[in-house]
């Protein structure tokens, strides 16, 4: 029983570390993305550009916002599954409480970063719209699109760290084709990460 208790403490410590690591790398991504969102918004409303160029900037702004929110949603979804099928059954109230604190803190940060880019009216909330949008039920597709998009913004390292964390949360939940090891083989810049 003592070995089980020790293993459980290590597991809790590891989960806490994973939550902290995700929060840190996601906040770095958000900070860097904020600069891009401001730039896209400014150029998208710049009258010296043709309307097609303006729309191109605004389209990139919307896509970046959507991906940032969907990363947050993935983090939320995968950990709620963990709560339902793993943590709750083990009585891991400390982890559950920490997780919901992380969600609250990250949502506040996202709202601050995107306050000028997301439309919120009495009958429509763009944050909720992006959050509820289907992730296509294909994790490989989702991660590949994240990589492609963020590489185009010169944010390859930041998105690599975020994806690494998301895959760690996903271990044991997703089919083996989406494991971190196989993902590393496809994307060289992840090879340097754990």
C-alpha atoms as a PDB file:
ATOM      1  CA  UNK A   1       0.000   0.000   0.000  1.00  0.00           C
ATOM      2  CA  UNK A   2       2.884   2.357   0.726  1.00  0.00           C
ATOM      3  CA  UNK A   3       4.215   1.924  -2.850  1.00  0.00           C
ATOM      4  CA  UNK A   4       0.761   2.735  -4.237  1.00  0.00           C
ATOM      5  CA  UNK A   5       0.589   5.867  -2.092  1.00  0.00           C
ATOM      6  CA  UNK A   6       4.058   6.976  -3.204  1.00  0.00           C
ATOM      7  CA  UNK A   7       3.179   6.329  -6.855  1.00  0.00           C
ATOM      8  CA  UNK A   8      -0.035   8.308  -6.433  1.00  0.00           C
ATOM      9  CA  UNK A   9       1.889  11.283  -4.974  1.00  0.00           C
ATOM     10  CA  UNK A  10       4.310  11.199  -7.927  1.00  0.00           C
ATOM     11  CA  UNK A  11       1.344  11.023 -10.306  1.00  0.00           C
ATOM     12  CA  UNK A  12      -0.301  14.043  -8.648  1.00  0.00           C
ATOM     13  CA  UNK A  13       2.981  15.946  -8.754  1.00  0.00           C
ATOM     14  CA  UNK A  14       3.385  15.101 -12.446  1.00  0.00           C
ATOM     15  CA  UNK A  15      -0.163  16.218 -13.252  1.00  0.00           C
ATOM     16  CA  UNK A  16       0.322  19.498 -11.406  1.00  0.00           C
ATOM     17  CA  UNK A  17       3.577  20.042 -13.322  1.00  0.00           C
ATOM     18  CA  UNK A  18       1.791  19.301 -16.632  1.00  0.00           C
ATOM     19  CA  UNK A  19      -0.943  21.842 -15.870  1.00  0.00           C
ATOM     20  CA  UNK A  20       1.631  24.475 -14.884  1.00  0.00           C
ATOM     21  CA  UNK A  21       3.735  23.795 -17.979  1.00  0.00           C
ATOM     22  CA  UNK A  22       0.761  24.119 -20.309  1.00  0.00           C
ATOM     23  CA  UNK A  23      -0.316  27.374 -18.697  1.00  0.00           C
ATOM     24  CA  UNK A  24       3.197  28.801 -19.080  1.00  0.00           C
ATOM     25  CA  UNK A  25       3.713  27.817 -22.722  1.00  0.00           C
ATOM     26  CA  UNK A  26       0.197  28.844 -23.704  1.00  0.00           C
ATOM     27  CA  UNK A  27       0.649  32.260 -22.106  1.00  0.00           C
ATOM     28  CA  UNK A  28       3.879  32.717 -24.090  1.00  0.00           C
ATOM     29  CA  UNK A  29       1.967  31.815 -27.252  1.00  0.00           C
ATOM     30  CA  UNK A  30      -0.822  34.260 -26.346  1.00  0.00           C
ATOM     31  CA  UNK A  31       1.626  37.093 -25.702  1.00  0.00           C
ATOM     32  CA  UNK A  32       3.301  36.597 -29.054  1.00  0.00           C
ATOM     33  CA  UNK A  33      -0.061  36.175 -30.795  1.00  0.00           C
ATOM     34  CA  UNK A  34      -1.317  39.442 -29.287  1.00  0.00           C
ATOM     35  CA  UNK A  35       1.297  41.322 -31.317  1.00  0.00           C
ATOM     36  CA  UNK A  36       0.136  39.570 -34.503  1.00  0.00           C
ATOM     37  CA  UNK A  37      -3.547  40.185 -33.743  1.00  0.00           C
ATOM     38  CA  UNK A  38      -2.881  43.893 -33.255  1.00  0.00           C
ATOM     39  CA  UNK A  39      -0.913  44.023 -36.506  1.00  0.00           C
ATOM     40  CA  UNK A  40      -3.599  42.149 -38.494  1.00  0.00           C
ATOM     41  CA  UNK A  41      -6.360  44.345 -37.068  1.00  0.00           C
ATOM     42  CA  UNK A  42      -4.471  47.560 -37.821  1.00  0.00           C
ATOM     43  CA  UNK A  43      -3.610  46.523 -41.382  1.00  0.00           C
ATOM     44  CA  UNK A  44      -7.107  45.142 -41.949  1.00  0.00           C
ATOM     45  CA  UNK A  45      -8.580  48.573 -41.270  1.00  0.00           C
ATOM     46  CA  UNK A  46      -5.864  50.555 -43.041  1.00  0.00           C
ATOM     47  CA  UNK A  47      -7.542  52.624 -45.804  1.00  0.00           C
ATOM     48  CA  UNK A  48      -4.381  52.702 -47.919  1.00  0.00           C
ATOM     49  CA  UNK A  49      -4.857  48.992 -48.716  1.00  0.00           C
ATOM     50  CA  UNK A  50      -7.257  47.608 -51.299  1.00  0.00           C
ATOM     51  CA  UNK A  51     -10.284  45.933 -49.694  1.00  0.00           C
ATOM     52  CA  UNK A  52      -9.001  42.471 -50.719  1.00  0.00           C
ATOM     53  CA  UNK A  53      -5.730  43.079 -48.882  1.00  0.00           C
ATOM     54  CA  UNK A  54      -7.665  44.365 -45.870  1.00  0.00           C
ATOM     55  CA  UNK A  55      -9.840  41.246 -45.902  1.00  0.00           C
ATOM     56  CA  UNK A  56      -6.731  39.067 -46.081  1.00  0.00           C
ATOM     57  CA  UNK A  57      -5.382  40.640 -42.877  1.00  0.00           C
ATOM     58  CA  UNK A  58      -8.748  40.365 -41.135  1.00  0.00           C
ATOM     59  CA  UNK A  59      -9.084  36.752 -42.246  1.00  0.00           C
ATOM     60  CA  UNK A  60      -5.709  35.915 -40.693  1.00  0.00           C
ATOM     61  CA  UNK A  61      -6.775  37.737 -37.536  1.00  0.00           C
ATOM     62  CA  UNK A  62      -9.943  35.604 -37.329  1.00  0.00           C
ATOM     63  CA  UNK A  63      -8.027  32.394 -38.028  1.00  0.00           C
ATOM     64  CA  UNK A  64      -5.415  33.150 -35.368  1.00  0.00           C
ATOM     65  CA  UNK A  65      -8.154  33.968 -32.842  1.00  0.00           C
ATOM     66  CA  UNK A  66      -9.999  30.782 -33.701  1.00  0.00           C
ATOM     67  CA  UNK A  67      -6.916  28.579 -33.335  1.00  0.00           C
ATOM     68  CA  UNK A  68      -5.962  30.157 -30.014  1.00  0.00           C
ATOM     69  CA  UNK A  69      -9.458  29.478 -28.682  1.00  0.00           C
ATOM     70  CA  UNK A  70      -9.515  25.945 -30.081  1.00  0.00           C
ATOM     71  CA  UNK A  71      -6.201  25.162 -28.374  1.00  0.00           C
ATOM     72  CA  UNK A  72      -7.837  26.298 -25.137  1.00  0.00           C
ATOM     73  CA  UNK A  73     -10.860  24.143 -25.943  1.00  0.00           C
ATOM     74  CA  UNK A  74      -8.687  21.085 -26.621  1.00  0.00           C
ATOM     75  CA  UNK A  75      -6.947  21.589 -23.280  1.00  0.00           C
ATOM     76  CA  UNK A  76     -10.332  21.921 -21.577  1.00  0.00           C
ATOM     77  CA  UNK A  77     -11.921  18.947 -23.343  1.00  0.00           C
ATOM     78  CA  UNK A  78      -9.098  16.473 -22.813  1.00  0.00           C
ATOM     79  CA  UNK A  79      -8.809  17.322 -19.132  1.00  0.00           C
ATOM     80  CA  UNK A  80     -12.553  17.118 -18.542  1.00  0.00           C
ATOM     81  CA  UNK A  81     -12.371  13.604 -19.974  1.00  0.00           C
ATOM     82  CA  UNK A  82      -9.549  12.929 -17.500  1.00  0.00           C
ATOM     83  CA  UNK A  83     -11.706  14.268 -14.656  1.00  0.00           C
ATOM     84  CA  UNK A  84     -14.645  12.064 -15.630  1.00  0.00           C
ATOM     85  CA  UNK A  85     -12.718   8.859 -16.220  1.00  0.00           C
ATOM     86  CA  UNK A  86      -9.560   9.110 -14.157  1.00  0.00           C
ATOM     87  CA  UNK A  87      -9.099  11.874 -11.597  1.00  0.00           C
ATOM     88  CA  UNK A  88     -12.621  11.864 -10.140  1.00  0.00           C
ATOM     89  CA  UNK A  89     -12.578   8.110  -9.549  1.00  0.00           C
ATOM     90  CA  UNK A  90      -9.266   8.473  -7.702  1.00  0.00           C
ATOM     91  CA  UNK A  91     -10.538  11.360  -5.571  1.00  0.00           C
ATOM     92  CA  UNK A  92      -8.057  13.832  -7.035  1.00  0.00           C
ATOM     93  CA  UNK A  93      -9.889  16.939  -5.824  1.00  0.00           C
ATOM     94  CA  UNK A  94      -6.637  18.948  -5.692  1.00  0.00           C
ATOM     95  CA  UNK A  95      -6.013  18.354  -9.418  1.00  0.00           C
ATOM     96  CA  UNK A  96      -9.625  19.052 -10.357  1.00  0.00           C
ATOM     97  CA  UNK A  97      -9.597  22.330  -8.430  1.00  0.00           C
ATOM     98  CA  UNK A  98      -6.256  23.359  -9.955  1.00  0.00           C
ATOM     99  CA  UNK A  99      -7.504  22.518 -13.441  1.00  0.00           C
ATOM    100  CA  UNK A 100     -10.595  24.719 -13.078  1.00  0.00           C
ATOM    101  CA  UNK A 101      -8.423  27.545 -11.713  1.00  0.00           C
ATOM    102  CA  UNK A 102      -6.233  27.225 -14.833  1.00  0.00           C
ATOM    103  CA  UNK A 103      -9.282  27.370 -17.098  1.00  0.00           C
ATOM    104  CA  UNK A 104     -10.504  30.532 -15.364  1.00  0.00           C
ATOM    105  CA  UNK A 105      -7.089  32.220 -15.504  1.00  0.00           C
ATOM    106  CA  UNK A 106      -6.500  31.325 -19.144  1.00  0.00           C
ATOM    107  CA  UNK A 107      -9.975  32.457 -20.205  1.00  0.00           C
ATOM    108  CA  UNK A 108      -9.392  35.854 -18.564  1.00  0.00           C
ATOM    109  CA  UNK A 109      -6.044  36.179 -20.385  1.00  0.00           C
ATOM    110  CA  UNK A 110      -7.572  35.125 -23.725  1.00  0.00           C
ATOM    111  CA  UNK A 111     -10.338  37.691 -23.289  1.00  0.00           C
ATOM    112  CA  UNK A 112      -7.796  40.449 -22.624  1.00  0.00           C
ATOM    113  CA  UNK A 113      -5.669  39.468 -25.628  1.00  0.00           C
ATOM    114  CA  UNK A 114      -8.652  39.309 -27.966  1.00  0.00           C
ATOM    115  CA  UNK A 115     -10.900  42.032 -26.599  1.00  0.00           C
ATOM    116  CA  UNK A 116     -10.497  44.136 -29.751  1.00  0.00           C
ATOM    117  CA  UNK A 117     -10.758  41.241 -32.190  1.00  0.00           C
ATOM    118  CA  UNK A 118     -13.728  39.229 -30.891  1.00  0.00           C
ATOM    119  CA  UNK A 119     -17.254  40.428 -31.446  1.00  0.00           C
ATOM    120  CA  UNK A 120     -19.570  40.246 -28.443  1.00  0.00           C
ATOM    121  CA  UNK A 121     -23.175  41.402 -28.646  1.00  0.00           C
ATOM    122  CA  UNK A 122     -26.238  40.683 -26.577  1.00  0.00           C
ATOM    123  CA  UNK A 123     -27.217  37.909 -29.008  1.00  0.00           C
ATOM    124  CA  UNK A 124     -23.804  36.695 -30.196  1.00  0.00           C
ATOM    125  CA  UNK A 125     -20.444  35.885 -28.648  1.00  0.00           C
ATOM    126  CA  UNK A 126     -17.638  35.139 -31.107  1.00  0.00           C
ATOM    127  CA  UNK A 127     -15.523  33.526 -28.376  1.00  0.00           C
ATOM    128  CA  UNK A 128     -18.288  30.980 -27.732  1.00  0.00           C
ATOM    129  CA  UNK A 129     -18.760  30.462 -31.470  1.00  0.00           C
ATOM    130  CA  UNK A 130     -15.076  29.634 -31.981  1.00  0.00           C
ATOM    131  CA  UNK A 131     -14.989  27.552 -28.806  1.00  0.00           C
ATOM    132  CA  UNK A 132     -17.926  25.411 -29.908  1.00  0.00           C
ATOM    133  CA  UNK A 133     -16.782  25.051 -33.515  1.00  0.00           C
ATOM    134  CA  UNK A 134     -16.073  21.452 -34.472  1.00  0.00           C
ATOM    135  CA  UNK A 135     -12.415  20.463 -34.272  1.00  0.00           C
ATOM    136  CA  UNK A 136     -13.190  18.039 -37.088  1.00  0.00           C
ATOM    137  CA  UNK A 137     -12.871  15.086 -34.685  1.00  0.00           C
ATOM    138  CA  UNK A 138      -9.457  14.475 -36.181  1.00  0.00           C
ATOM    139  CA  UNK A 139      -6.658  15.352 -33.827  1.00  0.00           C
ATOM    140  CA  UNK A 140      -3.951  14.789 -36.436  1.00  0.00           C
ATOM    141  CA  UNK A 141      -5.662  17.228 -38.803  1.00  0.00           C
ATOM    142  CA  UNK A 142      -6.041  19.790 -36.020  1.00  0.00           C
ATOM    143  CA  UNK A 143      -2.374  19.631 -34.967  1.00  0.00           C
ATOM    144  CA  UNK A 144      -1.162  19.684 -38.575  1.00  0.00           C
ATOM    145  CA  UNK A 145      -3.180  22.847 -39.259  1.00  0.00           C
ATOM    146  CA  UNK A 146      -1.897  24.462 -36.082  1.00  0.00           C
ATOM    147  CA  UNK A 147       1.671  23.752 -37.155  1.00  0.00           C
ATOM    148  CA  UNK A 148       1.128  25.010 -40.686  1.00  0.00           C
ATOM    149  CA  UNK A 149      -0.574  28.223 -39.568  1.00  0.00           C
ATOM    150  CA  UNK A 150       1.805  29.137 -36.735  1.00  0.00           C
ATOM    151  CA  UNK A 151       4.886  28.301 -38.802  1.00  0.00           C
ATOM    152  CA  UNK A 152       3.650  30.947 -41.252  1.00  0.00           C
ATOM    153  CA  UNK A 153       3.652  33.440 -38.363  1.00  0.00           C
ATOM    154  CA  UNK A 154       7.196  32.483 -37.275  1.00  0.00           C
ATOM    155  CA  UNK A 155       5.794  30.998 -34.068  1.00  0.00           C
ATOM    156  CA  UNK A 156       6.986  27.438 -34.682  1.00  0.00           C
ATOM    157  CA  UNK A 157       8.750  27.020 -31.338  1.00  0.00           C
ATOM    158  CA  UNK A 158       5.805  28.348 -29.331  1.00  0.00           C
ATOM    159  CA  UNK A 159       3.199  26.158 -31.045  1.00  0.00           C
ATOM    160  CA  UNK A 160       5.529  23.163 -30.793  1.00  0.00           C
ATOM    161  CA  UNK A 161       5.668  23.557 -27.013  1.00  0.00           C
ATOM    162  CA  UNK A 162       1.887  23.921 -26.792  1.00  0.00           C
ATOM    163  CA  UNK A 163       1.265  20.841 -28.963  1.00  0.00           C
ATOM    164  CA  UNK A 164       3.754  18.838 -26.909  1.00  0.00           C
ATOM    165  CA  UNK A 165       1.766  19.668 -23.764  1.00  0.00           C
ATOM    166  CA  UNK A 166      -1.573  18.868 -25.392  1.00  0.00           C
ATOM    167  CA  UNK A 167      -0.274  15.509 -26.563  1.00  0.00           C
ATOM    168  CA  UNK A 168       0.954  14.747 -23.051  1.00  0.00           C
ATOM    169  CA  UNK A 169      -2.553  15.380 -21.695  1.00  0.00           C
ATOM    170  CA  UNK A 170      -3.912  13.147 -24.468  1.00  0.00           C
ATOM    171  CA  UNK A 171      -1.740  10.132 -23.642  1.00  0.00           C
ATOM    172  CA  UNK A 172      -3.899   7.081 -23.128  1.00  0.00           C
ATOM    173  CA  UNK A 173      -6.992   8.757 -24.567  1.00  0.00           C
ATOM    174  CA  UNK A 174      -6.215   8.920 -28.280  1.00  0.00           C
ATOM    175  CA  UNK A 175      -5.385   6.212 -30.796  1.00  0.00           C
ATOM    176  CA  UNK A 176      -1.687   5.363 -30.920  1.00  0.00           C
ATOM    177  CA  UNK A 177      -1.294   7.065 -34.313  1.00  0.00           C
ATOM    178  CA  UNK A 178      -1.411  10.415 -32.480  1.00  0.00           C
ATOM    179  CA  UNK A 179       1.183   9.655 -29.843  1.00  0.00           C
ATOM    180  CA  UNK A 180       3.915  12.161 -29.146  1.00  0.00           C
ATOM    181  CA  UNK A 181       6.608   9.839 -30.488  1.00  0.00           C
ATOM    182  CA  UNK A 182       4.991   9.555 -33.919  1.00  0.00           C
ATOM    183  CA  UNK A 183       4.239  13.254 -34.009  1.00  0.00           C
ATOM    184  CA  UNK A 184       7.922  13.980 -33.321  1.00  0.00           C
ATOM    185  CA  UNK A 185       8.926  11.821 -36.270  1.00  0.00           C
ATOM    186  CA  UNK A 186       6.829  13.974 -38.593  1.00  0.00           C
ATOM    187  CA  UNK A 187       7.872  17.364 -37.258  1.00  0.00           C
ATOM    188  CA  UNK A 188      11.598  17.778 -36.684  1.00  0.00           C
ATOM    189  CA  UNK A 189      11.351  20.806 -34.421  1.00  0.00           C
ATOM    190  CA  UNK A 190       9.555  18.711 -31.800  1.00  0.00           C
ATOM    191  CA  UNK A 191      12.459  16.245 -31.619  1.00  0.00           C
ATOM    192  CA  UNK A 192      14.342  18.534 -29.256  1.00  0.00           C
ATOM    193  CA  UNK A 193      11.450  18.637 -26.789  1.00  0.00           C
ATOM    194  CA  UNK A 194      10.605  15.922 -24.298  1.00  0.00           C
END
